[in-house]
Each structure stands twice: as C-alpha cells, then as structure tokens.
PDB file of all heavy atoms in Angstrom:
ATOM      1  N   PRO A   1      19.451 -16.817  14.421  1.00  0.00           N
ATOM      2  CA  PRO A   1      20.808 -16.310  14.194  1.00  0.00           C
ATOM      3  C   PRO A   1      21.601 -16.233  15.488  1.00  0.00           C
ATOM      4  O   PRO A   1      21.046 -16.005  16.566  1.00  0.00           O
ATOM      5  CB  PRO A   1      20.563 -14.916  13.609  1.00  0.00           C
ATOM      6  CG  PRO A   1      19.192 -14.540  14.069  1.00  0.00           C
ATOM      7  CD  PRO A   1      18.415 -15.814  14.129  1.00  0.00           C
ATOM      8  N   ALA A   2      22.900 -16.422  15.377  1.00  0.00           N
ATOM      9  CA  ALA A   2      23.767 -16.420  16.550  1.00  0.00           C
ATOM     10  C   ALA A   2      23.987 -15.003  17.062  1.00  0.00           C
ATOM     11  O   ALA A   2      23.922 -14.031  16.295  1.00  0.00           O
ATOM     12  CB  ALA A   2      25.115 -17.052  16.196  1.00  0.00           C
ATOM     13  N   PRO A   3      24.241 -14.837  18.363  1.00  0.00           N
ATOM     14  CA  PRO A   3      24.652 -13.527  18.887  1.00  0.00           C
ATOM     15  C   PRO A   3      25.910 -13.048  18.163  1.00  0.00           C
ATOM     16  O   PRO A   3      26.739 -13.847  17.746  1.00  0.00           O
ATOM     17  CB  PRO A   3      24.932 -13.814  20.371  1.00  0.00           C
ATOM     18  CG  PRO A   3      24.166 -15.051  20.676  1.00  0.00           C
ATOM     19  CD  PRO A   3      24.168 -15.860  19.418  1.00  0.00           C
ATOM     20  N   ARG A   4      26.057 -11.737  18.037  1.00  0.00           N
ATOM     21  CA  ARG A   4      27.167 -11.190  17.265  1.00  0.00           C
ATOM     22  C   ARG A   4      28.510 -11.325  17.971  1.00  0.00           C
ATOM     23  O   ARG A   4      29.553 -11.437  17.330  1.00  0.00           O
ATOM     24  CB  ARG A   4      26.888  -9.725  16.935  1.00  0.00           C
ATOM     25  CG  ARG A   4      25.765  -9.523  15.912  1.00  0.00           C
ATOM     26  CD  ARG A   4      25.294  -8.106  15.867  1.00  0.00           C
ATOM     27  NE  ARG A   4      24.646  -7.726  17.129  1.00  0.00           N
ATOM     28  CZ  ARG A   4      24.091  -6.540  17.356  1.00  0.00           C
ATOM     29  NH1 ARG A   4      24.120  -5.606  16.405  1.00  0.00           N
ATOM     30  NH2 ARG A   4      23.521  -6.275  18.511  1.00  0.00           N
ATOM     31  N   THR A   5      28.500 -11.289  19.315  1.00  0.00           N
ATOM     32  CA  THR A   5      29.747 -11.388  20.076  1.00  0.00           C
ATOM     33  C   THR A   5      29.546 -12.332  21.255  1.00  0.00           C
ATOM     34  O   THR A   5      28.411 -12.629  21.656  1.00  0.00           O
ATOM     35  CB  THR A   5      30.185 -10.018  20.623  1.00  0.00           C
ATOM     36  OG1 THR A   5      29.193  -9.548  21.563  1.00  0.00           O
ATOM     37  CG2 THR A   5      30.334  -9.003  19.489  1.00  0.00           C
ATOM     38  N   LEU A   6      30.662 -12.803  21.827  1.00  0.00           N
ATOM     39  CA  LEU A   6      30.574 -13.646  23.021  1.00  0.00           C
ATOM     40  C   LEU A   6      29.994 -12.860  24.192  1.00  0.00           C
ATOM     41  O   LEU A   6      29.242 -13.415  25.004  1.00  0.00           O
ATOM     42  CB  LEU A   6      31.964 -14.185  23.379  1.00  0.00           C
ATOM     43  CG  LEU A   6      32.034 -15.097  24.605  1.00  0.00           C
ATOM     44  CD1 LEU A   6      31.120 -16.307  24.441  1.00  0.00           C
ATOM     45  CD2 LEU A   6      33.473 -15.541  24.871  1.00  0.00           C
ATOM     46  N   LYS A   7      30.338 -11.583  24.274  1.00  0.00           N
ATOM     47  CA  LYS A   7      29.797 -10.746  25.351  1.00  0.00           C
ATOM     48  C   LYS A   7      28.275 -10.707  25.282  1.00  0.00           C
ATOM     49  O   LYS A   7      27.588 -10.824  26.294  1.00  0.00           O
ATOM     50  CB  LYS A   7      30.360  -9.329  25.251  1.00  0.00           C
ATOM     51  CG  LYS A   7      29.852  -8.394  26.343  1.00  0.00           C
ATOM     52  CD  LYS A   7      30.464  -7.006  26.205  1.00  0.00           C
ATOM     53  CE  LYS A   7      29.925  -6.075  27.297  1.00  0.00           C
ATOM     54  NZ  LYS A   7      30.497  -4.704  27.160  1.00  0.00           N
ATOM     55  N   GLU A   8      27.757 -10.557  24.067  1.00  0.00           N
ATOM     56  CA  GLU A   8      26.300 -10.565  23.902  1.00  0.00           C
ATOM     57  C   GLU A   8      25.723 -11.933  24.255  1.00  0.00           C
ATOM     58  O   GLU A   8      24.640 -12.028  24.854  1.00  0.00           O
ATOM     59  CB  GLU A   8      25.925 -10.212  22.463  1.00  0.00           C
ATOM     60  CG  GLU A   8      24.420 -10.182  22.234  1.00  0.00           C
ATOM     61  CD  GLU A   8      24.037 -10.047  20.779  1.00  0.00           C
ATOM     62  OE1 GLU A   8      24.925  -9.774  19.948  1.00  0.00           O
ATOM     63  OE2 GLU A   8      22.841 -10.246  20.444  1.00  0.00           O
ATOM     64  N   ALA A   9      26.435 -13.003  23.900  1.00  0.00           N
ATOM     65  CA  ALA A   9      25.959 -14.355  24.201  1.00  0.00           C
ATOM     66  C   ALA A   9      25.885 -14.609  25.700  1.00  0.00           C
ATOM     67  O   ALA A   9      25.056 -15.400  26.162  1.00  0.00           O
ATOM     68  CB  ALA A   9      26.874 -15.383  23.543  1.00  0.00           C
ATOM     69  N   ILE A  10      26.769 -13.948  26.473  1.00  0.00           N
ATOM     70  CA  ILE A  10      26.776 -14.128  27.928  1.00  0.00           C
ATOM     71  C   ILE A  10      25.755 -13.224  28.605  1.00  0.00           C
ATOM     72  O   ILE A  10      24.962 -13.671  29.440  1.00  0.00           O
ATOM     73  CB  ILE A  10      28.188 -13.860  28.495  1.00  0.00           C
ATOM     74  CG1 ILE A  10      29.172 -14.909  27.960  1.00  0.00           C
ATOM     75  CG2 ILE A  10      28.168 -13.879  30.020  1.00  0.00           C
ATOM     76  CD1 ILE A  10      30.617 -14.627  28.329  1.00  0.00           C
ATOM     77  N   SER A  11      25.775 -11.934  28.239  1.00  0.00           N
ATOM     78  CA  SER A  11      24.912 -10.966  28.932  1.00  0.00           C
ATOM     79  C   SER A  11      23.518 -10.887  28.311  1.00  0.00           C
ATOM     80  O   SER A  11      22.539 -10.593  29.006  1.00  0.00           O
ATOM     81  CB  SER A  11      25.553  -9.585  28.917  1.00  0.00           C
ATOM     82  OG  SER A  11      25.728  -9.131  27.575  1.00  0.00           O
ATOM     83  N   GLY A  12      23.435 -11.150  27.007  1.00  0.00           N
ATOM     84  CA  GLY A  12      22.159 -11.017  26.309  1.00  0.00           C
ATOM     85  C   GLY A  12      21.029 -11.855  26.887  1.00  0.00           C
ATOM     86  O   GLY A  12      19.921 -11.340  27.090  1.00  0.00           O
ATOM     87  N   PRO A  13      21.256 -13.156  27.158  1.00  0.00           N
ATOM     88  CA  PRO A  13      20.166 -13.981  27.702  1.00  0.00           C
ATOM     89  C   PRO A  13      19.627 -13.470  29.026  1.00  0.00           C
ATOM     90  O   PRO A  13      18.411 -13.469  29.251  1.00  0.00           O
ATOM     91  CB  PRO A  13      20.822 -15.361  27.872  1.00  0.00           C
ATOM     92  CG  PRO A  13      21.960 -15.362  26.927  1.00  0.00           C
ATOM     93  CD  PRO A  13      22.461 -13.958  26.881  1.00  0.00           C
ATOM     94  N   LEU A  14      20.522 -13.019  29.906  1.00  0.00           N
ATOM     95  CA  LEU A  14      20.078 -12.511  31.208  1.00  0.00           C
ATOM     96  C   LEU A  14      19.340 -11.190  31.057  1.00  0.00           C
ATOM     97  O   LEU A  14      18.289 -10.974  31.683  1.00  0.00           O
ATOM     98  CB  LEU A  14      21.289 -12.343  32.135  1.00  0.00           C
ATOM     99  CG  LEU A  14      21.983 -13.645  32.556  1.00  0.00           C
ATOM    100  CD1 LEU A  14      23.212 -13.339  33.403  1.00  0.00           C
ATOM    101  CD2 LEU A  14      21.016 -14.530  33.341  1.00  0.00           C
ATOM    102  N   LYS A  15      19.878 -10.284  30.229  1.00  0.00           N
ATOM    103  CA  LYS A  15      19.201  -9.004  30.008  1.00  0.00           C
ATOM    104  C   LYS A  15      17.823  -9.225  29.409  1.00  0.00           C
ATOM    105  O   LYS A  15      16.843  -8.578  29.802  1.00  0.00           O
ATOM    106  CB  LYS A  15      20.036  -8.121  29.081  1.00  0.00           C
ATOM    107  CG  LYS A  15      21.290  -7.541  29.724  1.00  0.00           C
ATOM    108  CD  LYS A  15      22.035  -6.642  28.742  1.00  0.00           C
ATOM    109  CE  LYS A  15      23.278  -6.032  29.382  1.00  0.00           C
ATOM    110  NZ  LYS A  15      24.026  -5.171  28.411  1.00  0.00           N
ATOM    111  N   ASP A  16      17.748 -10.151  28.456  1.00  0.00           N
ATOM    112  CA  ASP A  16      16.466 -10.433  27.816  1.00  0.00           C
ATOM    113  C   ASP A  16      15.438 -10.921  28.825  1.00  0.00           C
ATOM    114  O   ASP A  16      14.282 -10.485  28.815  1.00  0.00           O
ATOM    115  CB  ASP A  16      16.667 -11.478  26.718  1.00  0.00           C
ATOM    116  CG  ASP A  16      15.360 -11.907  26.086  1.00  0.00           C
ATOM    117  OD1 ASP A  16      14.775 -11.107  25.332  1.00  0.00           O
ATOM    118  OD2 ASP A  16      14.896 -13.036  26.361  1.00  0.00           O
ATOM    119  N   LEU A  17      15.863 -11.809  29.734  1.00  0.00           N
ATOM    120  CA  LEU A  17      14.930 -12.338  30.729  1.00  0.00           C
ATOM    121  C   LEU A  17      14.541 -11.277  31.749  1.00  0.00           C
ATOM    122  O   LEU A  17      13.356 -11.119  32.088  1.00  0.00           O
ATOM    123  CB  LEU A  17      15.554 -13.539  31.443  1.00  0.00           C
ATOM    124  CG  LEU A  17      15.697 -14.826  30.632  1.00  0.00           C
ATOM    125  CD1 LEU A  17      16.417 -15.888  31.450  1.00  0.00           C
ATOM    126  CD2 LEU A  17      14.344 -15.351  30.179  1.00  0.00           C
ATOM    127  N   LEU A  18      15.521 -10.542  32.243  1.00  0.00           N
ATOM    128  CA  LEU A  18      15.255  -9.565  33.301  1.00  0.00           C
ATOM    129  C   LEU A  18      14.419  -8.392  32.817  1.00  0.00           C
ATOM    130  O   LEU A  18      13.747  -7.736  33.616  1.00  0.00           O
ATOM    131  CB  LEU A  18      16.581  -9.061  33.885  1.00  0.00           C
ATOM    132  CG  LEU A  18      17.410 -10.120  34.631  1.00  0.00           C
ATOM    133  CD1 LEU A  18      18.744  -9.547  35.090  1.00  0.00           C
ATOM    134  CD2 LEU A  18      16.638 -10.670  35.829  1.00  0.00           C
ATOM    135  N   GLN A  19      14.445  -8.120  31.522  1.00  0.00           N
ATOM    136  CA  GLN A  19      13.661  -7.014  30.984  1.00  0.00           C
ATOM    137  C   GLN A  19      12.225  -7.406  30.662  1.00  0.00           C
ATOM    138  O   GLN A  19      11.403  -6.556  30.337  1.00  0.00           O
ATOM    139  CB  GLN A  19      14.333  -6.478  29.716  1.00  0.00           C
ATOM    140  CG  GLN A  19      15.636  -5.722  29.992  1.00  0.00           C
ATOM    141  CD  GLN A  19      16.380  -5.362  28.716  1.00  0.00           C
ATOM    142  OE1 GLN A  19      15.951  -5.711  27.610  1.00  0.00           O
ATOM    143  NE2 GLN A  19      17.497  -4.656  28.857  1.00  0.00           N
ATOM    144  N   ARG A  20      11.911  -8.687  30.770  1.00  0.00           N
ATOM    145  CA  ARG A  20      10.555  -9.132  30.455  1.00  0.00           C
ATOM    146  C   ARG A  20       9.593  -8.809  31.595  1.00  0.00           C
ATOM    147  O   ARG A  20       9.908  -8.993  32.769  1.00  0.00           O
ATOM    148  CB  ARG A  20      10.532 -10.638  30.190  1.00  0.00           C
ATOM    149  CG  ARG A  20      11.286 -11.076  28.968  1.00  0.00           C
ATOM    150  CD  ARG A  20      11.036 -12.555  28.724  1.00  0.00           C
ATOM    151  NE  ARG A  20      11.976 -13.120  27.768  1.00  0.00           N
ATOM    152  CZ  ARG A  20      11.975 -14.388  27.403  1.00  0.00           C
ATOM    153  NH1 ARG A  20      11.064 -15.217  27.906  1.00  0.00           N
ATOM    154  NH2 ARG A  20      12.859 -14.831  26.528  1.00  0.00           N
ATOM    155  N   LYS A  21       8.421  -8.397  31.212  1.00  0.00           N
ATOM    156  CA  LYS A  21       7.373  -8.160  32.193  1.00  0.00           C
ATOM    157  C   LYS A  21       6.902  -9.492  32.771  1.00  0.00           C
ATOM    158  O   LYS A  21       6.603 -10.431  32.042  1.00  0.00           O
ATOM    159  CB  LYS A  21       6.205  -7.433  31.524  1.00  0.00           C
ATOM    160  CG  LYS A  21       5.026  -7.165  32.447  1.00  0.00           C
ATOM    161  CD  LYS A  21       3.895  -6.525  31.671  1.00  0.00           C
ATOM    162  CE  LYS A  21       2.674  -6.330  32.584  1.00  0.00           C
ATOM    163  NZ  LYS A  21       1.527  -5.730  31.824  1.00  0.00           N
ATOM    164  N   GLY A  22       6.863  -9.587  34.079  1.00  0.00           N
ATOM    165  CA  GLY A  22       6.356 -10.790  34.735  1.00  0.00           C
ATOM    166  C   GLY A  22       7.315 -11.955  34.758  1.00  0.00           C
ATOM    167  O   GLY A  22       6.910 -13.091  35.063  1.00  0.00           O
ATOM    168  N   ILE A  23       8.615 -11.729  34.474  1.00  0.00           N
ATOM    169  CA  ILE A  23       9.567 -12.839  34.429  1.00  0.00           C
ATOM    170  C   ILE A  23       9.715 -13.520  35.780  1.00  0.00           C
ATOM    171  O   ILE A  23       9.980 -14.721  35.857  1.00  0.00           O
ATOM    172  CB  ILE A  23      10.949 -12.351  33.917  1.00  0.00           C
ATOM    173  CG1 ILE A  23      11.890 -13.539  33.693  1.00  0.00           C
ATOM    174  CG2 ILE A  23      11.549 -11.336  34.876  1.00  0.00           C
ATOM    175  CD1 ILE A  23      11.412 -14.536  32.695  1.00  0.00           C
ATOM    176  N   ALA A  24       9.504 -12.762  36.873  1.00  0.00           N
ATOM    177  CA  ALA A  24       9.642 -13.347  38.212  1.00  0.00           C
ATOM    178  C   ALA A  24       8.642 -14.485  38.421  1.00  0.00           C
ATOM    179  O   ALA A  24       8.955 -15.488  39.077  1.00  0.00           O
ATOM    180  CB  ALA A  24       9.450 -12.279  39.283  1.00  0.00           C
ATOM    181  N   TYR A  25       7.440 -14.345  37.851  1.00  0.00           N
ATOM    182  CA  TYR A  25       6.434 -15.401  37.983  1.00  0.00           C
ATOM    183  C   TYR A  25       6.885 -16.672  37.257  1.00  0.00           C
ATOM    184  O   TYR A  25       6.736 -17.790  37.772  1.00  0.00           O
ATOM    185  CB  TYR A  25       5.091 -14.935  37.416  1.00  0.00           C
ATOM    186  CG  TYR A  25       4.470 -13.788  38.175  1.00  0.00           C
ATOM    187  CD1 TYR A  25       4.403 -12.520  37.614  1.00  0.00           C
ATOM    188  CD2 TYR A  25       3.951 -13.973  39.451  1.00  0.00           C
ATOM    189  CE1 TYR A  25       3.828 -11.463  38.297  1.00  0.00           C
ATOM    190  CE2 TYR A  25       3.371 -12.927  40.152  1.00  0.00           C
ATOM    191  CZ  TYR A  25       3.314 -11.675  39.572  1.00  0.00           C
ATOM    192  OH  TYR A  25       2.751 -10.628  40.262  1.00  0.00           O
ATOM    193  N   LEU A  26       7.435 -16.497  36.060  1.00  0.00           N
ATOM    194  CA  LEU A  26       7.887 -17.650  35.286  1.00  0.00           C
ATOM    195  C   LEU A  26       9.049 -18.361  35.976  1.00  0.00           C
ATOM    196  O   LEU A  26       9.074 -19.596  36.066  1.00  0.00           O
ATOM    197  CB  LEU A  26       8.306 -17.210  33.883  1.00  0.00           C
ATOM    198  CG  LEU A  26       8.839 -18.307  32.957  1.00  0.00           C
ATOM    199  CD1 LEU A  26       7.781 -19.380  32.722  1.00  0.00           C
ATOM    200  CD2 LEU A  26       9.304 -17.722  31.633  1.00  0.00           C
ATOM    201  N   LEU A  27      10.017 -17.579  36.491  1.00  0.00           N
ATOM    202  CA  LEU A  27      11.164 -18.179  37.171  1.00  0.00           C
ATOM    203  C   LEU A  27      10.725 -18.890  38.453  1.00  0.00           C
ATOM    204  O   LEU A  27      11.225 -19.971  38.781  1.00  0.00           O
ATOM    205  CB  LEU A  27      12.209 -17.105  37.484  1.00  0.00           C
ATOM    206  CG  LEU A  27      12.862 -16.435  36.266  1.00  0.00           C
ATOM    207  CD1 LEU A  27      13.852 -15.366  36.720  1.00  0.00           C
ATOM    208  CD2 LEU A  27      13.556 -17.461  35.374  1.00  0.00           C
ATOM    209  N   ALA A  28       9.788 -18.278  39.175  1.00  0.00           N
ATOM    210  CA  ALA A  28       9.278 -18.918  40.398  1.00  0.00           C
ATOM    211  C   ALA A  28       8.548 -20.217  40.054  1.00  0.00           C
ATOM    212  O   ALA A  28       8.672 -21.228  40.762  1.00  0.00           O
ATOM    213  CB  ALA A  28       8.343 -17.969  41.140  1.00  0.00           C
ATOM    214  N   PHE A  29       7.807 -20.197  38.968  1.00  0.00           N
ATOM    215  CA  PHE A  29       7.097 -21.403  38.540  1.00  0.00           C
ATOM    216  C   PHE A  29       8.079 -22.505  38.175  1.00  0.00           C
ATOM    217  O   PHE A  29       7.849 -23.678  38.485  1.00  0.00           O
ATOM    218  CB  PHE A  29       6.209 -21.074  37.339  1.00  0.00           C
ATOM    219  CG  PHE A  29       5.309 -22.200  36.923  1.00  0.00           C
ATOM    220  CD1 PHE A  29       4.163 -22.492  37.650  1.00  0.00           C
ATOM    221  CD2 PHE A  29       5.596 -22.968  35.806  1.00  0.00           C
ATOM    222  CE1 PHE A  29       3.321 -23.537  37.265  1.00  0.00           C
ATOM    223  CE2 PHE A  29       4.766 -23.999  35.411  1.00  0.00           C
ATOM    224  CZ  PHE A  29       3.624 -24.286  36.145  1.00  0.00           C
ATOM    225  N   ALA A  30       9.192 -22.144  37.534  1.00  0.00           N
ATOM    226  CA  ALA A  30      10.213 -23.129  37.184  1.00  0.00           C
ATOM    227  C   ALA A  30      10.767 -23.816  38.419  1.00  0.00           C
ATOM    228  O   ALA A  30      11.131 -24.995  38.395  1.00  0.00           O
ATOM    229  CB  ALA A  30      11.342 -22.455  36.405  1.00  0.00           C
TER     230      ALA A  30
END
C-alpha cells in the first residue's frame, strides 16, 4: 500500500531505516 501522505513518503523511508537495529552495517556494506 502507498504512504498516506507525501510527507510520509519523504520522511517515512529514512525513519524506517534509521530506526532499524544494525542499519549502519547494511549501509556500510552497500
């Protein structure tokens, strides 16, 4: 399903990634 608002579409992906445990390892691997 699509994000409910454009604001969520912009901020949601970053918040989702930054709140994940161990995301720094995945980003460094990328």
